[in-house]
Amino acid sequence: MKYEIKKFNDGQVTAKIIESGDLDIKIRGNSYEDLFRAASIKEAWDAENSTNKNAVATLTILCLIGQRSDRRFNKGESFDLKVITQFINTMKFDKVSILHPHSPISLALIDNGEKISHFDFVQKAYNQIGNPVLVSPDAGAYKTTHEIAEKLNADLVPSNKVRVDGAPVISIQGDVKGKQCLIVDDLADGGRTFKFLAEALKSQGATKVFLYVTHAQFNYGFDELKESIDHIYCTNSFKDIDDEFITQFKVV
């Protein structure tokens, strides 16, 4: 199936189906415009396939916008992930695949949703470094990092962060002395938490600390991170990054 997208001067997007067939859309999905573009394509495709009951439509979202807003945090605030997933559900795709979602809530709210594992990308980083100890940065990341550690037959050290008088205090539950460490998580906004964790790991004897995140935003640059992290591995699900400090695995 082939299609084309046109964007007007006022920002409107419109889609046209060029060649019929099963629909397979792959988008970053990190903006509302991406979702509206997918909706335009799907609407045009539905019109072309209204009598074809065997046609299949799939959507792959590489970096789901709003995935951290997986609850109503405060009274009176919008539940943003619910709004976003309801919009996705109106498109009525037969399958919606999400790369390394932040929490199970995303998949629970999306009809016909399934997870795309980040294992292959972590494995690439793991092999390039040379069998480091895996580190889960918090309780939320422990389960998925534990599963990866089992597949790689790698050592795993859990860590956790609590705030004491507003300052982060990190506990590391394992021996990292004389070892290289690879922190594994789903996304990085600014990345300051990883800076503190890397400092804690090195204070306990880690020789080098590397970071893997699937969704790399790094909205405040890398100057602070370079003080404690030796190298970062990520995909380009959120954006392309050109920096020697970063190794990106292409998904877009």
Protein backbone atom coordinates (compact mmCIF):
# COMPACT_ATOMS: atom_id res chain seq x y z
CA MET A 1 0.00 0.00 0.00
CA LYS A 2 1.28 3.46 -0.95
CA TYR A 3 0.06 6.88 0.14
CA GLU A 4 1.13 10.49 0.09
CA ILE A 5 0.78 13.24 2.69
CA LYS A 6 0.33 16.94 1.97
CA LYS A 7 0.66 19.68 4.57
CA PHE A 8 -1.06 23.02 4.02
CA ASN A 9 0.29 26.41 5.09
CA ASP A 10 -2.05 26.52 8.09
CA GLY A 11 -0.70 23.18 9.38
CA GLN A 12 -3.53 20.96 8.12
CA VAL A 13 -2.46 17.56 6.81
CA THR A 14 -4.30 15.51 4.23
CA ALA A 15 -3.66 12.00 2.92
CA LYS A 16 -4.23 10.32 -0.43
CA ILE A 17 -4.08 6.59 -1.14
CA ILE A 18 -1.96 5.90 -4.24
CA GLU A 19 -2.00 2.11 -4.24
CA SER A 20 -4.36 -0.21 -2.34
CA GLY A 21 -3.38 -3.10 -0.09
CA ASP A 22 -2.90 -3.83 3.60
CA LEU A 23 -2.01 -0.74 5.60
CA ASP A 24 1.18 -0.65 7.69
CA ILE A 25 1.96 2.76 9.21
CA LYS A 26 5.14 3.37 11.21
CA ILE A 27 5.50 6.71 13.00
CA ARG A 28 7.60 8.21 15.77
CA GLY A 29 4.33 9.13 17.46
CA ASN A 30 5.98 11.69 19.72
CA SER A 31 3.72 14.54 18.61
CA TYR A 32 0.02 15.14 18.12
CA GLU A 33 0.74 15.92 14.46
CA ASP A 34 2.14 12.41 13.98
CA LEU A 35 -1.11 10.94 15.33
CA PHE A 36 -3.28 13.18 13.16
CA ARG A 37 -1.19 12.23 10.12
CA ALA A 38 -1.82 8.55 10.89
CA ALA A 39 -5.53 9.26 11.35
CA SER A 40 -5.74 10.97 7.95
CA ILE A 41 -4.06 8.03 6.26
CA LYS A 42 -6.33 5.55 8.04
CA GLU A 43 -9.48 7.50 7.13
CA ALA A 44 -8.50 7.57 3.44
CA TRP A 45 -7.59 3.88 3.56
CA ASP A 46 -10.92 2.98 5.21
CA ALA A 47 -12.80 4.73 2.43
CA GLU A 48 -10.81 2.83 -0.21
CA ASN A 49 -11.32 -0.54 1.53
CA SER A 50 -14.92 -0.22 2.69
CA THR A 51 -15.90 -3.39 0.84
CA ASN A 52 -12.69 -5.35 1.48
CA LYS A 53 -13.27 -7.23 4.72
CA ASN A 54 -9.91 -9.02 4.51
CA ALA A 55 -7.76 -5.88 4.47
CA VAL A 56 -5.59 -5.43 7.56
CA ALA A 57 -4.37 -2.15 9.06
CA THR A 58 -1.49 -1.97 11.55
CA LEU A 59 0.12 0.98 13.33
CA THR A 60 3.60 1.04 14.86
CA ILE A 61 4.35 3.84 17.33
CA LEU A 62 8.03 4.15 18.20
CA CYS A 63 7.79 6.78 20.96
CA LEU A 64 4.25 7.25 22.27
CA ILE A 65 3.56 10.85 23.25
CA GLY A 66 2.27 11.31 26.80
CA GLN A 67 3.22 7.83 27.97
CA ARG A 68 4.54 9.11 31.31
CA SER A 69 1.17 10.77 32.05
CA ASP A 70 -0.31 7.37 32.87
CA ARG A 71 -2.53 8.60 35.70
CA ARG A 72 -4.33 11.70 36.92
CA PHE A 73 -1.56 13.13 39.09
CA ASN A 74 -3.54 15.90 40.80
CA LYS A 75 -7.18 16.78 41.33
CA GLY A 76 -8.58 18.78 38.44
CA GLU A 77 -5.85 17.77 35.96
CA SER A 78 -6.42 15.95 32.69
CA PHE A 79 -5.48 12.27 32.30
CA ASP A 80 -3.39 12.91 29.19
CA LEU A 81 -2.49 9.34 28.24
CA LYS A 82 -6.19 8.44 28.36
CA VAL A 83 -6.99 11.30 25.95
CA ILE A 84 -4.21 10.19 23.57
CA THR A 85 -5.09 6.50 23.62
CA GLN A 86 -8.79 7.24 23.11
CA PHE A 87 -7.83 9.13 19.95
CA ILE A 88 -5.71 6.19 18.78
CA ASN A 89 -8.62 3.82 19.42
CA THR A 90 -10.94 5.89 17.20
CA MET A 91 -8.73 4.93 14.23
CA LYS A 92 -9.65 1.25 14.76
CA PHE A 93 -6.39 -0.41 13.74
CA ASP A 94 -6.23 -4.19 13.78
CA LYS A 95 -2.92 -4.01 15.66
CA VAL A 96 -1.06 -1.18 17.41
CA SER A 97 2.56 -1.91 18.34
CA ILE A 98 4.39 0.28 20.86
CA LEU A 99 8.19 0.26 21.28
CA HIS A 100 9.18 -0.12 24.97
CA PRO A 101 6.17 1.60 26.56
CA HIS A 102 6.81 3.44 29.81
CA SER A 103 4.21 1.41 31.72
CA PRO A 104 1.63 -1.35 31.10
CA ILE A 105 -1.09 1.32 31.29
CA SER A 106 -0.39 2.34 27.68
CA LEU A 107 -1.10 -1.14 26.34
CA ALA A 108 -4.09 -1.57 28.65
CA LEU A 109 -5.69 1.58 27.22
CA ILE A 110 -4.97 0.84 23.54
CA ASP A 111 -7.22 -1.57 21.65
CA ASN A 112 -5.27 -4.44 20.05
CA GLY A 113 -2.06 -3.10 21.56
CA GLU A 114 1.18 -5.04 21.83
CA LYS A 115 4.68 -4.26 23.08
CA ILE A 116 7.81 -4.18 20.92
CA SER A 117 10.72 -5.28 23.11
CA HIS A 118 13.87 -3.21 23.50
CA PHE A 119 15.95 -6.34 24.13
CA ASP A 120 17.83 -6.29 20.80
CA PHE A 121 19.06 -2.73 21.41
CA VAL A 122 20.19 -3.44 24.96
CA GLN A 123 21.97 -6.54 23.70
CA LYS A 124 23.87 -4.46 21.12
CA ALA A 125 25.00 -2.03 23.82
CA TYR A 126 25.88 -4.91 26.16
CA ASN A 127 28.03 -6.60 23.52
CA GLN A 128 29.77 -3.37 22.48
CA ILE A 129 30.72 -2.59 26.08
CA GLY A 130 31.80 -6.15 26.84
CA ASN A 131 29.49 -7.88 29.33
CA PRO A 132 28.83 -5.09 31.88
CA VAL A 133 26.72 -5.44 35.01
CA LEU A 134 23.15 -4.31 34.27
CA VAL A 135 21.68 -1.72 36.64
CA SER A 136 17.96 -1.03 37.03
CA PRO A 137 17.51 2.61 38.09
CA ASP A 138 14.30 2.16 40.09
CA ALA A 139 11.65 -0.32 41.11
CA GLY A 140 9.59 0.38 38.00
CA ALA A 141 12.40 -0.69 35.68
CA TYR A 142 13.45 -3.75 37.67
CA LYS A 143 11.11 -6.35 36.16
CA THR A 144 11.95 -5.68 32.51
CA THR A 145 15.68 -5.28 33.25
CA HIS A 146 15.63 -8.56 35.18
CA GLU A 147 14.10 -10.31 32.16
CA ILE A 148 16.84 -8.90 29.92
CA ALA A 149 19.56 -9.92 32.39
CA GLU A 150 18.25 -13.49 32.35
CA LYS A 151 18.31 -13.62 28.54
CA LEU A 152 21.86 -12.24 28.43
CA ASN A 153 22.99 -14.34 31.42
CA ALA A 154 24.19 -11.02 32.86
CA ASP A 155 24.61 -9.85 36.44
CA LEU A 156 21.95 -7.40 37.64
CA VAL A 157 22.22 -4.79 40.39
CA PRO A 158 18.99 -3.06 41.49
CA SER A 159 19.00 0.52 42.67
CA ASN A 160 16.35 2.83 44.03
CA LYS A 161 15.90 6.54 44.60
CA VAL A 162 14.10 8.28 47.44
CA ARG A 163 13.99 11.96 48.32
CA VAL A 164 15.16 13.16 51.72
CA ASP A 165 14.44 16.85 52.40
CA GLY A 166 13.96 17.31 48.65
CA ALA A 167 17.34 15.82 47.69
CA PRO A 168 17.67 12.46 45.89
CA VAL A 169 19.26 9.64 47.89
CA ILE A 170 20.24 6.56 45.88
CA SER A 171 20.67 3.07 47.29
CA ILE A 172 22.53 0.39 45.33
CA GLN A 173 21.80 -3.22 46.25
CA GLY A 174 24.85 -5.07 44.98
CA ASP A 175 28.60 -5.09 44.50
CA VAL A 176 29.90 -3.01 41.57
CA LYS A 177 33.51 -2.57 42.69
CA GLY A 178 35.93 -2.94 39.77
CA LYS A 179 33.08 -3.52 37.30
CA GLN A 180 31.64 -1.77 34.28
CA CYS A 181 27.93 -0.93 34.65
CA LEU A 182 25.14 -0.38 32.13
CA ILE A 183 22.06 1.47 33.44
CA VAL A 184 18.96 0.37 31.50
CA ASP A 185 15.74 2.42 31.34
CA ASP A 186 12.98 3.39 28.95
CA LEU A 187 13.43 7.14 28.52
CA ALA A 188 15.43 10.18 29.51
CA ASP A 189 13.96 13.67 29.64
CA GLY A 190 16.84 15.64 31.13
CA GLY A 191 18.79 12.70 32.53
CA ARG A 192 19.82 14.20 35.88
CA THR A 193 18.63 11.10 37.77
CA PHE A 194 21.07 9.01 35.75
CA LYS A 195 23.85 11.46 36.58
CA PHE A 196 23.25 10.95 40.32
CA LEU A 197 23.05 7.18 39.88
CA ALA A 198 26.31 7.09 37.89
CA GLU A 199 28.03 9.12 40.61
CA ALA A 200 26.76 6.68 43.25
CA LEU A 201 27.95 3.67 41.25
CA LYS A 202 31.43 5.15 40.79
CA SER A 203 31.61 6.08 44.47
CA GLN A 204 31.12 2.36 45.18
CA GLY A 205 33.96 1.37 42.86
CA ALA A 206 32.44 1.02 39.39
CA THR A 207 35.18 1.60 36.80
CA LYS A 208 32.87 2.89 34.06
CA VAL A 209 29.16 3.65 33.86
CA PHE A 210 27.20 3.52 30.61
CA LEU A 211 23.54 4.39 30.02
CA TYR A 212 20.97 2.79 27.72
CA VAL A 213 17.58 4.43 27.15
CA THR A 214 15.18 3.58 24.34
CA HIS A 215 13.59 7.04 24.06
CA ALA A 216 16.28 9.72 24.17
CA GLN A 217 15.04 13.28 24.66
CA PHE A 218 17.92 14.81 26.65
CA ASN A 219 16.28 18.23 26.56
CA TYR A 220 19.10 19.93 28.48
CA GLY A 221 22.08 18.59 26.58
CA PHE A 222 24.90 16.37 27.80
CA ASP A 223 27.33 18.62 29.68
CA GLU A 224 26.26 17.47 33.15
CA LEU A 225 25.93 13.84 32.10
CA LYS A 226 29.46 13.72 30.72
CA GLU A 227 30.78 14.41 34.22
CA SER A 228 29.77 10.94 35.44
CA ILE A 229 28.53 8.83 32.51
CA ASP A 230 31.10 7.43 30.08
CA HIS A 231 28.82 6.86 27.06
CA ILE A 232 25.12 6.72 26.18
CA TYR A 233 23.34 4.17 23.97
CA CYS A 234 19.80 4.80 22.68
CA THR A 235 17.51 4.47 19.69
CA ASN A 236 16.41 7.38 17.51
CA SER A 237 12.74 6.76 18.36
CA PHE A 238 12.34 10.32 19.67
CA LYS A 239 14.87 12.24 17.54
CA ASP A 240 18.18 11.92 15.73
CA ILE A 241 21.23 12.93 17.78
CA ASP A 242 24.64 13.69 16.29
CA ASP A 243 27.15 13.59 19.16
CA GLU A 244 30.22 11.43 19.80
CA PHE A 245 28.92 10.87 23.32
CA ILE A 246 25.91 9.00 21.88
CA THR A 247 25.57 5.71 19.99
CA GLN A 248 22.14 5.57 18.35
CA PHE A 249 20.45 2.46 17.00
CA LYS A 250 18.19 3.29 14.06
CA VAL A 251 14.48 2.48 14.32
CA VAL A 252 13.20 5.38 12.20
